[in-house]
Structures are given as structure tokens and as C-alpha cells.
């Protein structure tokens, strides 16, 4: 095999190892936010998209169309606010 081909294949394998944990973390975050929203008694069903606004501050979009901001307030409590 050509050295360039081997180097390219090696780079793709290494890149795949970095992509998979990020995807797994994203799915875990979606599940966690779905649970938090449900525990606050708000309708959602399932979080399908998350935007990280800051540390411990997220914009969550639900399958049913609802959008929420989920964050920790100054007292360390989780707050869920419905967004427009």
C-alpha cells in the first residue's frame, strides 16, 4: 500500500475514536434533560436537540415542539423555563 493511503486510513480510524464518545455524550445529555423536564412536570416526550449555552446551561428542543432552557441557578437548583 501507498504510504499516503496508510496514513490517511490511520487518521480516519483515530478520528472515529474521538467522534463516537462525543455522540454518546450527546445522547446521554438528551436523556438526562428529558428526565429533568419530566420531573418538573412539563410536557416534552423526548429531547431531540440540545444547544449548550454555557456550563450547566442548555437549550433543549423536544420532539413535541416544546423548547426549554435548563440551567442551574445561583443557589445550585435546577431550573426549567419554557421558551418561545
PDB file of N, CA and C in Angstrom:
ATOM      1  N   UNK A   1       0.836  -1.186   0.000  1.00  0.00           N
ATOM      2  CA  UNK A   1       0.000   0.000   0.000  1.00  0.00           C
ATOM      3  C   UNK A   1       0.879   1.247   0.000  1.00  0.00           C
ATOM      4  N   UNK A   2       0.339   2.262  -0.561  1.00  0.00           N
ATOM      5  CA  UNK A   2       0.988   3.562  -0.614  1.00  0.00           C
ATOM      6  C   UNK A   2       1.063   4.145   0.813  1.00  0.00           C
ATOM      7  N   UNK A   3       2.166   4.826   1.151  1.00  0.00           N
ATOM      8  CA  UNK A   3       2.319   5.409   2.498  1.00  0.00           C
ATOM      9  C   UNK A   3       1.240   6.451   2.779  1.00  0.00           C
ATOM     10  N   UNK A   4       0.857   7.191   1.758  1.00  0.00           N
ATOM     11  CA  UNK A   4      -0.183   8.202   1.934  1.00  0.00           C
ATOM     12  C   UNK A   4      -1.526   7.542   2.260  1.00  0.00           C
ATOM     13  N   UNK A   5      -1.835   6.448   1.608  1.00  0.00           N
ATOM     14  CA  UNK A   5      -3.084   5.725   1.865  1.00  0.00           C
ATOM     15  C   UNK A   5      -3.105   5.175   3.284  1.00  0.00           C
ATOM     16  N   UNK A   6      -1.987   4.628   3.723  1.00  0.00           N
ATOM     17  CA  UNK A   6      -1.895   4.078   5.081  1.00  0.00           C
ATOM     18  C   UNK A   6      -2.058   5.203   6.105  1.00  0.00           C
ATOM     19  N   UNK A   7      -1.421   6.329   5.867  1.00  0.00           N
ATOM     20  CA  UNK A   7      -1.523   7.465   6.790  1.00  0.00           C
ATOM     21  C   UNK A   7      -2.961   7.987   6.852  1.00  0.00           C
ATOM     22  N   UNK A   8      -3.613   8.066   5.695  1.00  0.00           N
ATOM     23  CA  UNK A   8      -4.996   8.530   5.652  1.00  0.00           C
ATOM     24  C   UNK A   8      -5.927   7.568   6.392  1.00  0.00           C
ATOM     25  N   UNK A   9      -5.749   6.287   6.181  1.00  0.00           N
ATOM     26  CA  UNK A   9      -6.571   5.282   6.869  1.00  0.00           C
ATOM     27  C   UNK A   9      -6.360   5.361   8.375  1.00  0.00           C
ATOM     28  N   UNK A  10      -5.128   5.524   8.796  1.00  0.00           N
ATOM     29  CA  UNK A  10      -4.815   5.638  10.230  1.00  0.00           C
ATOM     30  C   UNK A  10      -5.489   6.878  10.809  1.00  0.00           C
ATOM     31  N   UNK A  11      -5.438   7.989  10.095  1.00  0.00           N
ATOM     32  CA  UNK A  11      -6.056   9.233  10.562  1.00  0.00           C
ATOM     33  C   UNK A  11      -7.561   9.074  10.714  1.00  0.00           C
ATOM     34  N   UNK A  12      -8.205   8.388   9.781  1.00  0.00           N
ATOM     35  CA  UNK A  12      -9.646   8.179   9.859  1.00  0.00           C
ATOM     36  C   UNK A  12     -10.038   7.317  11.056  1.00  0.00           C
ATOM     37  N   UNK A  13      -9.239   6.304  11.341  1.00  0.00           N
ATOM     38  CA  UNK A  13      -9.517   5.435  12.496  1.00  0.00           C
ATOM     39  C   UNK A  13      -9.379   6.224  13.789  1.00  0.00           C
ATOM     40  N   UNK A  14      -8.331   7.025  13.892  1.00  0.00           N
ATOM     41  CA  UNK A  14      -8.126   7.837  15.096  1.00  0.00           C
ATOM     42  C   UNK A  14      -9.264   8.842  15.250  1.00  0.00           C
ATOM     43  N   UNK A  15      -9.669   9.478  14.166  1.00  0.00           N
ATOM     44  CA  UNK A  15     -10.769  10.450  14.216  1.00  0.00           C
ATOM     45  C   UNK A  15     -12.071   9.787  14.668  1.00  0.00           C
ATOM     46  N   UNK A  16     -12.307   8.568  14.252  1.00  0.00           N
ATOM     47  CA  UNK A  16     -13.528   7.849  14.638  1.00  0.00           C
ATOM     48  C   UNK A  16     -13.600   7.636  16.147  1.00  0.00           C
ATOM     49  N   UNK A  17     -12.469   7.411  16.788  1.00  0.00           N
ATOM     50  CA  UNK A  17     -12.457   7.223  18.238  1.00  0.00           C
ATOM     51  C   UNK A  17     -12.850   8.500  18.968  1.00  0.00           C
ATOM     52  N   UNK A  18     -12.550   9.655  18.383  1.00  0.00           N
ATOM     53  CA  UNK A  18     -12.911  10.915  19.016  1.00  0.00           C
ATOM     54  C   UNK A  18     -14.360  11.292  18.746  1.00  0.00           C
ATOM     55  N   UNK A  19     -14.925  10.862  17.654  1.00  0.00           N
ATOM     56  CA  UNK A  19     -16.300  11.199  17.297  1.00  0.00           C
ATOM     57  C   UNK A  19     -17.295  10.377  18.092  1.00  0.00           C
ATOM     58  N   UNK A  20     -17.064   9.107  18.286  1.00  0.00           N
ATOM     59  CA  UNK A  20     -18.007   8.216  18.959  1.00  0.00           C
ATOM     60  C   UNK A  20     -18.294   8.649  20.391  1.00  0.00           C
ATOM     61  N   UNK A  21     -17.298   8.971  21.227  1.00  0.00           N
ATOM     62  CA  UNK A  21     -17.634   9.405  22.587  1.00  0.00           C
ATOM     63  C   UNK A  21     -18.451  10.686  22.605  1.00  0.00           C
ATOM     64  N   UNK A  22     -18.197  11.595  21.685  1.00  0.00           N
ATOM     65  CA  UNK A  22     -18.960  12.832  21.627  1.00  0.00           C
ATOM     66  C   UNK A  22     -20.424  12.534  21.335  1.00  0.00           C
ATOM     67  N   UNK A  23     -20.704  11.632  20.404  1.00  0.00           N
ATOM     68  CA  UNK A  23     -22.071  11.250  20.069  1.00  0.00           C
ATOM     69  C   UNK A  23     -22.735  10.583  21.267  1.00  0.00           C
ATOM     70  N   UNK A  24     -22.003   9.707  21.944  1.00  0.00           N
ATOM     71  CA  UNK A  24     -22.560   9.009  23.104  1.00  0.00           C
ATOM     72  C   UNK A  24     -22.871  10.000  24.221  1.00  0.00           C
ATOM     73  N   UNK A  25     -21.997  10.987  24.437  1.00  0.00           N
ATOM     74  CA  UNK A  25     -22.243  12.003  25.455  1.00  0.00           C
ATOM     75  C   UNK A  25     -23.472  12.826  25.114  1.00  0.00           C
ATOM     76  N   UNK A  26     -23.644  13.148  23.839  1.00  0.00           N
ATOM     77  CA  UNK A  26     -24.791  13.932  23.384  1.00  0.00           C
ATOM     78  C   UNK A  26     -26.094  13.178  23.643  1.00  0.00           C
ATOM     79  N   UNK A  27     -26.105  11.895  23.364  1.00  0.00           N
ATOM     80  CA  UNK A  27     -27.305  11.085  23.605  1.00  0.00           C
ATOM     81  C   UNK A  27     -27.606  10.991  25.096  1.00  0.00           C
ATOM     82  N   UNK A  28     -26.577  10.857  25.917  1.00  0.00           N
ATOM     83  CA  UNK A  28     -26.776  10.794  27.368  1.00  0.00           C
ATOM     84  C   UNK A  28     -27.324  12.123  27.884  1.00  0.00           C
ATOM     85  N   UNK A  29     -26.823  13.230  27.347  1.00  0.00           N
ATOM     86  CA  UNK A  29     -27.308  14.546  27.752  1.00  0.00           C
ATOM     87  C   UNK A  29     -28.774  14.716  27.373  1.00  0.00           C
ATOM     88  N   UNK A  30     -29.163  14.268  26.199  1.00  0.00           N
ATOM     89  CA  UNK A  30     -30.562  14.345  25.777  1.00  0.00           C
ATOM     90  C   UNK A  30     -31.461  13.562  26.724  1.00  0.00           C
ATOM     91  N   UNK A  31     -31.024  12.369  27.114  1.00  0.00           N
ATOM     92  CA  UNK A  31     -31.816  11.553  28.045  1.00  0.00           C
ATOM     93  C   UNK A  31     -31.921  12.227  29.403  1.00  0.00           C
ATOM     94  N   UNK A  32     -30.811  12.787  29.877  1.00  0.00           N
ATOM     95  CA  UNK A  32     -30.812  13.467  31.179  1.00  0.00           C
ATOM     96  C   UNK A  32     -31.748  14.673  31.171  1.00  0.00           C
ATOM     97  N   UNK A  33     -31.686  15.468  30.112  1.00  0.00           N
ATOM     98  CA  UNK A  33     -32.558  16.639  30.033  1.00  0.00           C
ATOM     99  C   UNK A  33     -34.024  16.242  29.904  1.00  0.00           C
ATOM    100  N   UNK A  34     -34.300  15.159  29.183  1.00  0.00           N
ATOM    101  CA  UNK A  34     -35.673  14.650  29.086  1.00  0.00           C
ATOM    102  C   UNK A  34     -36.197  14.309  30.474  1.00  0.00           C
ATOM    103  N   UNK A  35     -35.372  13.653  31.276  1.00  0.00           N
ATOM    104  CA  UNK A  35     -35.773  13.277  32.637  1.00  0.00           C
ATOM    105  C   UNK A  35     -35.977  14.507  33.520  1.00  0.00           C
ATOM    106  N   UNK A  36     -35.102  15.483  33.425  1.00  0.00           N
ATOM    107  CA  UNK A  36     -35.215  16.696  34.238  1.00  0.00           C
ATOM    108  C   UNK A  36     -36.500  17.442  33.903  1.00  0.00           C
ATOM    109  N   UNK A  37     -36.789  17.578  32.624  1.00  0.00           N
ATOM    110  CA  UNK A  37     -38.011  18.278  32.201  1.00  0.00           C
ATOM    111  C   UNK A  37     -39.245  17.533  32.707  1.00  0.00           C
ATOM    112  N   UNK A  38     -39.238  16.223  32.601  1.00  0.00           N
ATOM    113  CA  UNK A  38     -40.370  15.421  33.076  1.00  0.00           C
ATOM    114  C   UNK A  38     -40.539  15.547  34.592  1.00  0.00           C
ATOM    115  N   UNK A  39     -39.443  15.558  35.323  1.00  0.00           N
ATOM    116  CA  UNK A  39     -39.512  15.686  36.782  1.00  0.00           C
ATOM    117  C   UNK A  39     -40.069  17.042  37.215  1.00  0.00           C
ATOM    118  N   UNK A  40     -39.942  18.028  36.357  1.00  0.00           N
ATOM    119  CA  UNK A  40     -40.533  19.334  36.644  1.00  0.00           C
ATOM    120  C   UNK A  40     -41.994  19.400  36.201  1.00  0.00           C
ATOM    121  N   UNK A  41     -42.513  18.290  35.694  1.00  0.00           N
ATOM    122  CA  UNK A  41     -43.920  18.203  35.328  1.00  0.00           C
ATOM    123  C   UNK A  41     -44.278  18.928  34.039  1.00  0.00           C
ATOM    124  N   UNK A  42     -43.296  19.119  33.167  1.00  0.00           N
ATOM    125  CA  UNK A  42     -43.545  19.826  31.911  1.00  0.00           C
ATOM    126  C   UNK A  42     -43.608  18.845  30.753  1.00  0.00           C
ATOM    127  N   UNK A  43     -44.431  19.142  29.740  1.00  0.00           N
ATOM    128  CA  UNK A  43     -44.541  18.240  28.596  1.00  0.00           C
ATOM    129  C   UNK A  43     -43.308  18.319  27.693  1.00  0.00           C
ATOM    130  N   UNK A  44     -42.873  17.172  27.234  1.00  0.00           N
ATOM    131  CA  UNK A  44     -41.743  17.135  26.306  1.00  0.00           C
ATOM    132  C   UNK A  44     -41.779  15.846  25.495  1.00  0.00           C
ATOM    133  N   UNK A  45     -41.839  14.731  26.157  1.00  0.00           N
ATOM    134  CA  UNK A  45     -41.768  13.443  25.475  1.00  0.00           C
ATOM    135  C   UNK A  45     -40.340  12.987  25.351  1.00  0.00           C
ATOM    136  N   UNK A  46     -39.576  13.689  24.502  1.00  0.00           N
ATOM    137  CA  UNK A  46     -38.174  13.321  24.293  1.00  0.00           C
ATOM    138  C   UNK A  46     -37.419  14.533  23.771  1.00  0.00           C
ATOM    139  N   UNK A  47     -36.254  14.802  24.350  1.00  0.00           N
ATOM    140  CA  UNK A  47     -35.395  15.876  23.847  1.00  0.00           C
ATOM    141  C   UNK A  47     -34.707  15.363  22.593  1.00  0.00           C
ATOM    142  N   UNK A  48     -34.814  16.132  21.511  1.00  0.00           N
ATOM    143  CA  UNK A  48     -34.222  15.714  20.244  1.00  0.00           C
ATOM    144  C   UNK A  48     -33.028  16.576  19.844  1.00  0.00           C
ATOM    145  N   UNK A  49     -32.887  17.756  20.451  1.00  0.00           N
ATOM    146  CA  UNK A  49     -31.748  18.619  20.139  1.00  0.00           C
ATOM    147  C   UNK A  49     -31.368  19.421  21.374  1.00  0.00           C
ATOM    148  N   UNK A  50     -30.059  19.611  21.544  1.00  0.00           N
ATOM    149  CA  UNK A  50     -29.542  20.358  22.688  1.00  0.00           C
ATOM    150  C   UNK A  50     -28.498  21.341  22.202  1.00  0.00           C
ATOM    151  N   UNK A  51     -28.594  22.563  22.713  1.00  0.00           N
ATOM    152  CA  UNK A  51     -27.564  23.562  22.448  1.00  0.00           C
ATOM    153  C   UNK A  51     -26.985  23.964  23.793  1.00  0.00           C
ATOM    154  N   UNK A  52     -25.671  23.846  23.931  1.00  0.00           N
ATOM    155  CA  UNK A  52     -25.006  24.229  25.174  1.00  0.00           C
ATOM    156  C   UNK A  52     -24.801  25.736  25.124  1.00  0.00           C
ATOM    157  N   UNK A  53     -25.440  26.446  26.059  1.00  0.00           N
ATOM    158  CA  UNK A  53     -25.325  27.904  26.109  1.00  0.00           C
ATOM    159  C   UNK A  53     -24.142  28.327  26.972  1.00  0.00           C
ATOM    160  N   UNK A  54     -23.903  27.591  28.040  1.00  0.00           N
ATOM    161  CA  UNK A  54     -22.795  27.831  28.970  1.00  0.00           C
ATOM    162  C   UNK A  54     -22.681  26.577  29.827  1.00  0.00           C
ATOM    163  N   UNK A  55     -21.754  26.587  30.753  1.00  0.00           N
ATOM    164  CA  UNK A  55     -21.626  25.438  31.641  1.00  0.00           C
ATOM    165  C   UNK A  55     -22.899  25.321  32.472  1.00  0.00           C
ATOM    166  N   UNK A  56     -23.505  24.145  32.463  1.00  0.00           N
ATOM    167  CA  UNK A  56     -24.756  23.869  33.183  1.00  0.00           C
ATOM    168  C   UNK A  56     -25.901  24.776  32.735  1.00  0.00           C
ATOM    169  N   UNK A  57     -25.939  25.114  31.450  1.00  0.00           N
ATOM    170  CA  UNK A  57     -26.996  25.941  30.883  1.00  0.00           C
ATOM    171  C   UNK A  57     -27.263  25.442  29.460  1.00  0.00           C
ATOM    172  N   UNK A  58     -28.475  24.902  29.241  1.00  0.00           N
ATOM    173  CA  UNK A  58     -28.790  24.231  27.980  1.00  0.00           C
ATOM    174  C   UNK A  58     -30.105  24.725  27.397  1.00  0.00           C
ATOM    175  N   UNK A  59     -30.179  24.758  26.077  1.00  0.00           N
ATOM    176  CA  UNK A  59     -31.426  24.990  25.356  1.00  0.00           C
ATOM    177  C   UNK A  59     -31.827  23.631  24.786  1.00  0.00           C
ATOM    178  N   UNK A  60     -32.986  23.139  25.196  1.00  0.00           N
ATOM    179  CA  UNK A  60     -33.444  21.817  24.781  1.00  0.00           C
ATOM    180  C   UNK A  60     -34.692  21.937  23.911  1.00  0.00           C
ATOM    181  N   UNK A  61     -34.693  21.227  22.791  1.00  0.00           N
ATOM    182  CA  UNK A  61     -35.850  21.164  21.902  1.00  0.00           C
ATOM    183  C   UNK A  61     -36.447  19.764  21.992  1.00  0.00           C
ATOM    184  N   UNK A  62     -37.749  19.716  22.203  1.00  0.00           N
ATOM    185  CA  UNK A  62     -38.428  18.433  22.377  1.00  0.00           C
ATOM    186  C   UNK A  62     -39.085  17.961  21.085  1.00  0.00           C
ATOM    187  N   UNK A  63     -39.340  16.671  21.055  1.00  0.00           N
ATOM    188  CA  UNK A  63     -39.991  16.039  19.905  1.00  0.00           C
ATOM    189  C   UNK A  63     -41.376  16.629  19.654  1.00  0.00           C
ATOM    190  N   UNK A  64     -42.059  17.030  20.720  1.00  0.00           N
ATOM    191  CA  UNK A  64     -43.410  17.584  20.578  1.00  0.00           C
ATOM    192  C   UNK A  64     -43.422  19.075  20.222  1.00  0.00           C
ATOM    193  N   UNK A  65     -42.243  19.673  20.021  1.00  0.00           N
ATOM    194  CA  UNK A  65     -42.156  21.074  19.616  1.00  0.00           C
ATOM    195  C   UNK A  65     -41.873  22.057  20.741  1.00  0.00           C
ATOM    196  N   UNK A  66     -41.994  21.612  21.981  1.00  0.00           N
ATOM    197  CA  UNK A  66     -41.691  22.493  23.104  1.00  0.00           C
ATOM    198  C   UNK A  66     -40.190  22.746  23.192  1.00  0.00           C
ATOM    199  N   UNK A  67     -39.844  23.945  23.682  1.00  0.00           N
ATOM    200  CA  UNK A  67     -38.435  24.307  23.877  1.00  0.00           C
ATOM    201  C   UNK A  67     -38.263  24.819  25.294  1.00  0.00           C
ATOM    202  N   UNK A  68     -37.155  24.405  25.908  1.00  0.00           N
ATOM    203  CA  UNK A  68     -36.903  24.777  27.292  1.00  0.00           C
ATOM    204  C   UNK A  68     -35.454  25.214  27.482  1.00  0.00           C
ATOM    205  N   UNK A  69     -35.262  26.074  28.478  1.00  0.00           N
ATOM    206  CA  UNK A  69     -33.917  26.388  28.953  1.00  0.00           C
ATOM    207  C   UNK A  69     -33.777  25.674  30.283  1.00  0.00           C
ATOM    208  N   UNK A  70     -32.740  24.872  30.405  1.00  0.00           N
ATOM    209  CA  UNK A  70     -32.481  24.112  31.628  1.00  0.00           C
ATOM    210  C   UNK A  70     -31.130  24.573  32.151  1.00  0.00           C
ATOM    211  N   UNK A  71     -31.112  25.062  33.412  1.00  0.00           N
ATOM    212  CA  UNK A  71     -29.861  25.593  33.964  1.00  0.00           C
ATOM    213  C   UNK A  71     -29.846  25.491  35.478  1.00  0.00           C
ATOM    214  N   UNK A  72     -28.660  25.716  36.046  1.00  0.00           N
ATOM    215  CA  UNK A  72     -28.510  25.783  37.497  1.00  0.00           C
ATOM    216  C   UNK A  72     -28.546  27.243  37.901  1.00  0.00           C
ATOM    217  N   UNK A  73     -29.377  27.587  38.896  1.00  0.00           N
ATOM    218  CA  UNK A  73     -29.405  28.968  39.364  1.00  0.00           C
ATOM    219  C   UNK A  73     -28.288  29.194  40.385  1.00  0.00           C
ATOM    220  N   UNK A  74     -28.205  30.413  40.918  1.00  0.00           N
ATOM    221  CA  UNK A  74     -27.133  30.769  41.858  1.00  0.00           C
ATOM    222  C   UNK A  74     -27.151  29.911  43.124  1.00  0.00           C
ATOM    223  N   UNK A  75     -28.336  29.418  43.487  1.00  0.00           N
ATOM    224  CA  UNK A  75     -28.465  28.579  44.684  1.00  0.00           C
ATOM    225  C   UNK A  75     -28.126  27.116  44.397  1.00  0.00           C
ATOM    226  N   UNK A  76     -27.812  26.786  43.133  1.00  0.00           N
ATOM    227  CA  UNK A  76     -27.469  25.418  42.780  1.00  0.00           C
ATOM    228  C   UNK A  76     -28.662  24.535  42.471  1.00  0.00           C
ATOM    229  N   UNK A  77     -29.820  25.143  42.282  1.00  0.00           N
ATOM    230  CA  UNK A  77     -31.023  24.377  41.960  1.00  0.00           C
ATOM    231  C   UNK A  77     -31.239  24.351  40.454  1.00  0.00           C
ATOM    232  N   UNK A  78     -31.791  23.250  39.971  1.00  0.00           N
ATOM    233  CA  UNK A  78     -32.083  23.113  38.548  1.00  0.00           C
ATOM    234  C   UNK A  78     -33.370  23.869  38.233  1.00  0.00           C
ATOM    235  N   UNK A  79     -33.305  24.718  37.204  1.00  0.00           N
ATOM    236  CA  UNK A  79     -34.465  25.489  36.776  1.00  0.00           C
ATOM    237  C   UNK A  79     -34.782  25.123  35.331  1.00  0.00           C
ATOM    238  N   UNK A  80     -36.070  24.947  35.053  1.00  0.00           N
ATOM    239  CA  UNK A  80     -36.524  24.672  33.690  1.00  0.00           C
ATOM    240  C   UNK A  80     -37.497  25.762  33.298  1.00  0.00           C
ATOM    241  N   UNK A  81     -37.153  26.522  32.265  1.00  0.00           N
ATOM    242  CA  UNK A  81     -38.009  27.606  31.782  1.00  0.00           C
ATOM    243  C   UNK A  81     -38.484  27.302  30.371  1.00  0.00           C
ATOM    244  N   UNK A  82     -39.791  27.456  30.143  1.00  0.00           N
ATOM    245  CA  UNK A  82     -40.340  27.264  28.793  1.00  0.00           C
ATOM    246  C   UNK A  82     -39.912  28.448  27.931  1.00  0.00           C
ATOM    247  N   UNK A  83     -39.479  28.155  26.706  1.00  0.00           N
ATOM    248  CA  UNK A  83     -39.052  29.176  25.749  1.00  0.00           C
ATOM    249  C   UNK A  83     -40.075  29.285  24.634  1.00  0.00           C
ATOM    250  N   UNK A  84     -40.062  30.399  23.938  1.00  0.00           N
ATOM    251  CA  UNK A  84     -40.971  30.590  22.804  1.00  0.00           C
ATOM    252  C   UNK A  84     -40.363  30.064  21.538  1.00  0.00           C
TER     253      UNK A  84
END
